[in-house]
């Protein structure tokens, strides 16, 4: 087993045990321009929704010194092997009916999990 698989296995176990009370059902929502309507003259956005699980966490004080991180931003942590789409900036993460916009998307060096900076 490689490093990524080891990390994903350990994080998956943590999601099932130690972190189980913090793990939530999350939805990645990707918007596409959709089809152009000649009747209205606009493109109607089409949403594609991908269900997964993950943890929403706040940022530490030291991370807030970076002007790109607002005090109300949250960090979504999602295992890459549990999400069937690649998150991108301007996608949305929804949890418990609250929709957040993806401001920044990073994978860890082993490509085992996504860290998505989310803003309401």
N, C-alpha and C. Protein backbone atom coordinates (compact mmCIF):
# COMPACT_ATOMS: atom_id res chain seq x y z
N UNK A 1 0.84 -1.16 0.00
CA UNK A 1 0.00 0.00 0.00
C UNK A 1 0.90 1.24 0.00
N UNK A 2 0.53 2.26 -0.80
CA UNK A 2 1.29 3.49 -0.87
C UNK A 2 0.92 4.46 0.23
N UNK A 3 1.64 5.56 0.27
CA UNK A 3 1.41 6.58 1.29
C UNK A 3 -0.02 7.12 1.23
N UNK A 4 -0.50 7.43 0.03
CA UNK A 4 -1.86 7.98 -0.09
C UNK A 4 -2.89 7.01 0.47
N UNK A 5 -2.78 5.74 0.11
CA UNK A 5 -3.73 4.74 0.59
C UNK A 5 -3.67 4.60 2.11
N UNK A 6 -2.44 4.66 2.67
CA UNK A 6 -2.29 4.59 4.13
C UNK A 6 -2.99 5.76 4.82
N UNK A 7 -2.78 6.97 4.29
CA UNK A 7 -3.39 8.16 4.87
C UNK A 7 -4.90 8.09 4.75
N UNK A 8 -5.39 7.70 3.56
CA UNK A 8 -6.84 7.61 3.36
C UNK A 8 -7.45 6.56 4.28
N UNK A 9 -6.77 5.45 4.46
CA UNK A 9 -7.28 4.41 5.35
C UNK A 9 -7.35 4.94 6.78
N UNK A 10 -6.27 5.59 7.24
CA UNK A 10 -6.23 6.12 8.61
C UNK A 10 -7.28 7.21 8.81
N UNK A 11 -7.43 8.11 7.84
CA UNK A 11 -8.44 9.16 7.95
C UNK A 11 -9.85 8.57 7.90
N UNK A 12 -10.05 7.58 7.05
CA UNK A 12 -11.36 6.91 6.98
C UNK A 12 -11.72 6.27 8.30
N UNK A 13 -10.75 5.63 8.94
CA UNK A 13 -10.98 5.02 10.25
C UNK A 13 -11.30 6.11 11.27
N UNK A 14 -10.54 7.22 11.22
CA UNK A 14 -10.80 8.34 12.15
C UNK A 14 -12.19 8.92 11.91
N UNK A 15 -12.62 9.04 10.65
CA UNK A 15 -13.97 9.52 10.35
C UNK A 15 -15.02 8.60 10.96
N UNK A 16 -14.73 7.29 11.00
CA UNK A 16 -15.68 6.32 11.53
C UNK A 16 -15.64 6.21 13.05
N UNK A 17 -14.54 6.63 13.67
CA UNK A 17 -14.40 6.44 15.12
C UNK A 17 -14.22 7.78 15.84
N UNK A 18 -12.98 8.21 16.01
CA UNK A 18 -12.66 9.39 16.82
C UNK A 18 -13.36 10.67 16.34
N UNK A 19 -13.50 10.84 15.04
CA UNK A 19 -14.11 12.05 14.49
C UNK A 19 -15.58 11.88 14.12
N UNK A 20 -16.15 10.74 14.44
CA UNK A 20 -17.50 10.43 13.96
C UNK A 20 -18.53 11.48 14.37
N UNK A 21 -18.35 12.10 15.52
CA UNK A 21 -19.31 13.11 15.94
C UNK A 21 -19.18 14.40 15.14
N UNK A 22 -18.04 14.61 14.48
CA UNK A 22 -17.82 15.83 13.69
C UNK A 22 -18.06 15.60 12.19
N UNK A 23 -18.12 14.35 11.77
CA UNK A 23 -18.30 14.04 10.35
C UNK A 23 -19.73 14.32 9.94
N UNK A 24 -19.87 15.02 8.84
CA UNK A 24 -21.19 15.41 8.33
C UNK A 24 -21.34 14.94 6.88
N UNK A 25 -22.57 14.83 6.46
CA UNK A 25 -22.83 14.61 5.04
C UNK A 25 -22.65 15.94 4.34
N UNK A 26 -21.81 15.95 3.33
CA UNK A 26 -21.53 17.14 2.55
C UNK A 26 -21.92 16.90 1.10
N UNK A 27 -22.24 17.97 0.43
CA UNK A 27 -22.56 17.90 -1.00
C UNK A 27 -21.67 18.88 -1.75
N UNK A 28 -20.97 18.38 -2.75
CA UNK A 28 -20.23 19.23 -3.67
C UNK A 28 -21.19 19.57 -4.80
N UNK A 29 -21.36 20.86 -5.05
CA UNK A 29 -22.28 21.30 -6.10
C UNK A 29 -21.47 22.05 -7.14
N UNK A 30 -21.52 21.54 -8.35
CA UNK A 30 -20.82 22.15 -9.48
C UNK A 30 -21.87 22.75 -10.40
N UNK A 31 -21.63 23.98 -10.84
CA UNK A 31 -22.54 24.64 -11.76
C UNK A 31 -21.92 24.65 -13.16
N UNK A 32 -22.74 24.35 -14.14
CA UNK A 32 -22.32 24.49 -15.53
C UNK A 32 -23.27 25.49 -16.19
N UNK A 33 -22.85 26.04 -17.30
CA UNK A 33 -23.66 27.09 -17.94
C UNK A 33 -24.97 26.57 -18.48
N UNK A 34 -25.07 25.30 -18.72
CA UNK A 34 -26.33 24.74 -19.21
C UNK A 34 -26.60 25.11 -20.66
N UNK A 35 -27.83 24.93 -21.06
CA UNK A 35 -28.21 25.17 -22.44
C UNK A 35 -28.74 26.59 -22.61
N UNK A 36 -28.48 27.13 -23.77
CA UNK A 36 -28.96 28.47 -24.11
C UNK A 36 -30.43 28.37 -24.52
N UNK A 37 -31.24 29.24 -23.97
CA UNK A 37 -32.66 29.29 -24.32
C UNK A 37 -32.89 30.46 -25.26
N UNK A 38 -33.34 30.15 -26.45
CA UNK A 38 -33.65 31.23 -27.40
C UNK A 38 -34.85 32.04 -26.94
N UNK A 39 -35.75 31.42 -26.17
CA UNK A 39 -36.93 32.13 -25.67
C UNK A 39 -36.55 33.24 -24.68
N UNK A 40 -35.64 32.92 -23.76
CA UNK A 40 -35.27 33.89 -22.73
C UNK A 40 -33.98 34.63 -23.06
N UNK A 41 -33.16 34.07 -23.93
CA UNK A 41 -31.89 34.69 -24.29
C UNK A 41 -30.80 34.50 -23.25
N UNK A 42 -30.97 33.52 -22.36
CA UNK A 42 -29.96 33.28 -21.33
C UNK A 42 -29.64 31.80 -21.22
N UNK A 43 -28.50 31.54 -20.60
CA UNK A 43 -28.14 30.17 -20.25
C UNK A 43 -28.68 29.89 -18.86
N UNK A 44 -29.36 28.79 -18.70
CA UNK A 44 -29.86 28.39 -17.39
C UNK A 44 -28.82 27.47 -16.74
N UNK A 45 -28.27 27.88 -15.58
CA UNK A 45 -27.26 27.04 -14.93
C UNK A 45 -27.82 25.66 -14.56
N UNK A 46 -26.97 24.68 -14.68
CA UNK A 46 -27.32 23.31 -14.32
C UNK A 46 -26.43 22.90 -13.16
N UNK A 47 -27.04 22.37 -12.09
CA UNK A 47 -26.29 21.91 -10.93
C UNK A 47 -26.04 20.42 -11.02
N UNK A 48 -24.79 20.02 -10.76
CA UNK A 48 -24.45 18.61 -10.57
C UNK A 48 -24.04 18.46 -9.11
N UNK A 49 -24.67 17.53 -8.41
CA UNK A 49 -24.45 17.37 -6.98
C UNK A 49 -23.79 16.03 -6.69
N UNK A 50 -22.75 16.07 -5.87
CA UNK A 50 -22.01 14.87 -5.49
C UNK A 50 -22.03 14.76 -3.96
N UNK A 51 -22.54 13.66 -3.46
CA UNK A 51 -22.64 13.45 -2.03
C UNK A 51 -21.35 12.80 -1.51
N UNK A 52 -20.94 13.24 -0.33
CA UNK A 52 -19.76 12.67 0.32
C UNK A 52 -19.89 12.91 1.82
N UNK A 53 -18.85 12.68 2.54
CA UNK A 53 -18.83 13.00 3.96
C UNK A 53 -17.52 13.71 4.24
N UNK A 54 -17.53 14.49 5.30
CA UNK A 54 -16.33 15.23 5.64
C UNK A 54 -16.51 15.98 6.93
N UNK A 55 -15.53 16.79 7.24
CA UNK A 55 -15.52 17.57 8.47
C UNK A 55 -15.43 19.04 8.09
N UNK A 56 -16.26 19.86 8.73
CA UNK A 56 -16.15 21.31 8.60
C UNK A 56 -15.44 21.81 9.85
N UNK A 57 -14.42 22.60 9.65
CA UNK A 57 -13.61 23.08 10.76
C UNK A 57 -13.34 24.56 10.56
N UNK A 58 -13.13 25.27 11.65
CA UNK A 58 -12.74 26.67 11.57
C UNK A 58 -11.25 26.79 11.33
N UNK A 59 -10.80 28.00 11.13
CA UNK A 59 -9.39 28.27 10.95
C UNK A 59 -8.77 28.71 12.26
N UNK A 60 -7.52 28.36 12.47
CA UNK A 60 -6.80 28.77 13.67
C UNK A 60 -6.44 30.25 13.56
N UNK A 61 -6.22 30.89 14.70
CA UNK A 61 -5.89 32.31 14.72
C UNK A 61 -4.70 32.63 13.82
N UNK A 62 -3.69 31.79 13.82
CA UNK A 62 -2.49 32.06 13.01
C UNK A 62 -2.83 32.06 11.52
N UNK A 63 -3.84 31.30 11.12
CA UNK A 63 -4.24 31.27 9.71
C UNK A 63 -5.04 32.51 9.33
N UNK A 64 -5.64 33.18 10.31
CA UNK A 64 -6.45 34.36 10.04
C UNK A 64 -5.61 35.58 9.74
N UNK A 65 -4.32 35.53 10.02
CA UNK A 65 -3.45 36.66 9.68
C UNK A 65 -3.31 36.79 8.17
N UNK A 66 -3.52 35.71 7.45
CA UNK A 66 -3.53 35.76 5.99
C UNK A 66 -4.81 36.47 5.58
N UNK A 67 -4.70 37.56 4.85
CA UNK A 67 -5.88 38.36 4.50
C UNK A 67 -6.86 37.60 3.62
N UNK A 68 -6.43 36.48 3.05
CA UNK A 68 -7.33 35.70 2.19
C UNK A 68 -8.29 34.83 3.00
N UNK A 69 -8.06 34.71 4.30
CA UNK A 69 -8.92 33.90 5.16
C UNK A 69 -9.71 34.83 6.06
N UNK A 70 -11.02 34.77 5.96
CA UNK A 70 -11.90 35.59 6.80
C UNK A 70 -12.23 34.82 8.08
N UNK A 71 -12.51 35.52 9.16
CA UNK A 71 -12.83 34.84 10.43
C UNK A 71 -14.04 33.91 10.35
N UNK A 72 -14.95 34.16 9.41
CA UNK A 72 -16.14 33.32 9.30
C UNK A 72 -15.97 32.17 8.29
N UNK A 73 -14.82 32.09 7.64
CA UNK A 73 -14.58 31.00 6.69
C UNK A 73 -14.48 29.67 7.43
N UNK A 74 -14.85 28.61 6.75
CA UNK A 74 -14.69 27.27 7.29
C UNK A 74 -13.88 26.44 6.31
N UNK A 75 -13.27 25.40 6.84
CA UNK A 75 -12.45 24.49 6.06
C UNK A 75 -13.19 23.16 5.97
N UNK A 76 -13.46 22.71 4.74
CA UNK A 76 -14.05 21.39 4.54
C UNK A 76 -12.92 20.41 4.25
N UNK A 77 -12.90 19.31 4.99
CA UNK A 77 -11.89 18.27 4.80
C UNK A 77 -12.62 17.03 4.29
N UNK A 78 -12.25 16.62 3.07
CA UNK A 78 -12.93 15.52 2.39
C UNK A 78 -11.88 14.57 1.83
N UNK A 79 -12.05 13.28 2.04
CA UNK A 79 -11.13 12.30 1.47
C UNK A 79 -11.28 12.27 -0.05
N UNK A 80 -10.17 12.30 -0.77
CA UNK A 80 -10.24 12.31 -2.23
C UNK A 80 -10.87 11.03 -2.77
N UNK A 81 -10.69 9.91 -2.08
CA UNK A 81 -11.24 8.66 -2.57
C UNK A 81 -12.73 8.50 -2.27
N UNK A 82 -13.33 9.47 -1.56
CA UNK A 82 -14.76 9.41 -1.25
C UNK A 82 -15.56 10.46 -2.00
N UNK A 83 -14.92 11.12 -2.95
CA UNK A 83 -15.60 12.14 -3.74
C UNK A 83 -15.37 11.83 -5.21
N UNK A 84 -16.45 11.68 -5.97
CA UNK A 84 -16.33 11.25 -7.36
C UNK A 84 -16.11 12.40 -8.34
N UNK A 85 -15.92 13.60 -7.84
CA UNK A 85 -15.63 14.76 -8.69
C UNK A 85 -14.50 15.55 -8.05
N UNK A 86 -13.85 16.36 -8.84
CA UNK A 86 -12.77 17.20 -8.34
C UNK A 86 -13.30 18.58 -8.00
N UNK A 87 -13.21 19.00 -6.74
CA UNK A 87 -13.69 20.32 -6.37
C UNK A 87 -12.82 21.41 -7.00
N UNK A 88 -13.46 22.52 -7.33
CA UNK A 88 -12.77 23.65 -7.94
C UNK A 88 -13.25 24.94 -7.29
N UNK A 89 -12.45 25.99 -7.43
CA UNK A 89 -12.85 27.30 -6.96
C UNK A 89 -14.16 27.67 -7.64
N UNK A 90 -15.07 28.28 -6.88
CA UNK A 90 -16.41 28.70 -7.30
C UNK A 90 -17.43 27.57 -7.31
N UNK A 91 -17.02 26.34 -6.95
CA UNK A 91 -18.01 25.29 -6.68
C UNK A 91 -18.63 25.62 -5.32
N UNK A 92 -19.59 24.82 -4.91
CA UNK A 92 -20.24 25.02 -3.62
C UNK A 92 -20.16 23.75 -2.78
N UNK A 93 -20.05 23.94 -1.49
CA UNK A 93 -20.14 22.86 -0.51
C UNK A 93 -21.39 23.15 0.31
N UNK A 94 -22.27 22.16 0.42
CA UNK A 94 -23.48 22.35 1.21
C UNK A 94 -23.48 21.35 2.36
N UNK A 95 -23.86 21.86 3.53
CA UNK A 95 -23.94 21.04 4.73
C UNK A 95 -25.10 21.53 5.57
N UNK A 96 -25.99 20.64 5.93
CA UNK A 96 -27.14 20.97 6.78
C UNK A 96 -27.92 22.16 6.24
N UNK A 97 -28.07 22.22 4.93
CA UNK A 97 -28.85 23.27 4.29
C UNK A 97 -28.13 24.60 4.12
N UNK A 98 -26.89 24.68 4.56
CA UNK A 98 -26.10 25.90 4.39
C UNK A 98 -25.14 25.70 3.22
N UNK A 99 -25.16 26.66 2.30
CA UNK A 99 -24.33 26.58 1.11
C UNK A 99 -23.15 27.54 1.23
N UNK A 100 -21.96 26.99 1.04
CA UNK A 100 -20.73 27.76 1.10
C UNK A 100 -20.08 27.76 -0.29
N UNK A 101 -19.43 28.84 -0.64
CA UNK A 101 -18.71 28.93 -1.90
C UNK A 101 -17.26 28.53 -1.67
N UNK A 102 -16.72 27.71 -2.58
CA UNK A 102 -15.32 27.31 -2.49
C UNK A 102 -14.44 28.46 -2.94
N UNK A 103 -13.64 28.97 -2.02
CA UNK A 103 -12.75 30.10 -2.28
C UNK A 103 -11.36 29.61 -2.68
N UNK A 104 -10.95 28.51 -2.07
CA UNK A 104 -9.63 27.94 -2.34
C UNK A 104 -9.75 26.43 -2.19
N UNK A 105 -9.06 25.69 -3.05
CA UNK A 105 -9.10 24.23 -3.02
C UNK A 105 -7.67 23.72 -3.08
N UNK A 106 -7.32 22.88 -2.11
CA UNK A 106 -5.98 22.29 -2.08
C UNK A 106 -6.08 20.81 -1.73
N UNK A 107 -5.20 20.05 -2.32
CA UNK A 107 -5.03 18.65 -1.92
C UNK A 107 -3.74 18.57 -1.11
N UNK A 108 -3.69 17.66 -0.16
CA UNK A 108 -2.46 17.49 0.60
C UNK A 108 -1.38 16.90 -0.31
N UNK A 109 -0.12 16.94 0.09
CA UNK A 109 0.96 16.45 -0.78
C UNK A 109 0.80 14.99 -1.24
N UNK A 110 0.14 14.17 -0.43
CA UNK A 110 -0.06 12.77 -0.82
C UNK A 110 -1.32 12.59 -1.65
N UNK A 111 -2.08 13.67 -1.87
CA UNK A 111 -3.33 13.64 -2.63
C UNK A 111 -4.36 12.72 -1.98
N UNK A 112 -4.36 12.71 -0.63
CA UNK A 112 -5.26 11.84 0.12
C UNK A 112 -6.56 12.53 0.53
N UNK A 113 -6.49 13.86 0.71
CA UNK A 113 -7.71 14.58 1.09
C UNK A 113 -7.69 16.00 0.52
N UNK A 114 -8.90 16.52 0.37
CA UNK A 114 -9.09 17.91 -0.07
C UNK A 114 -9.26 18.80 1.15
N UNK A 115 -8.68 19.99 1.10
CA UNK A 115 -8.99 21.05 2.06
C UNK A 115 -9.57 22.18 1.24
N UNK A 116 -10.82 22.50 1.52
CA UNK A 116 -11.54 23.50 0.73
C UNK A 116 -11.91 24.67 1.65
N UNK A 117 -11.39 25.85 1.32
CA UNK A 117 -11.76 27.06 2.05
C UNK A 117 -13.13 27.49 1.58
N UNK A 118 -14.08 27.57 2.50
CA UNK A 118 -15.48 27.83 2.17
C UNK A 118 -15.95 29.12 2.83
N UNK A 119 -16.77 29.85 2.09
CA UNK A 119 -17.28 31.13 2.59
C UNK A 119 -18.77 31.21 2.32
N UNK A 120 -19.53 31.72 3.28
CA UNK A 120 -20.98 31.91 3.11
C UNK A 120 -21.25 33.14 2.29
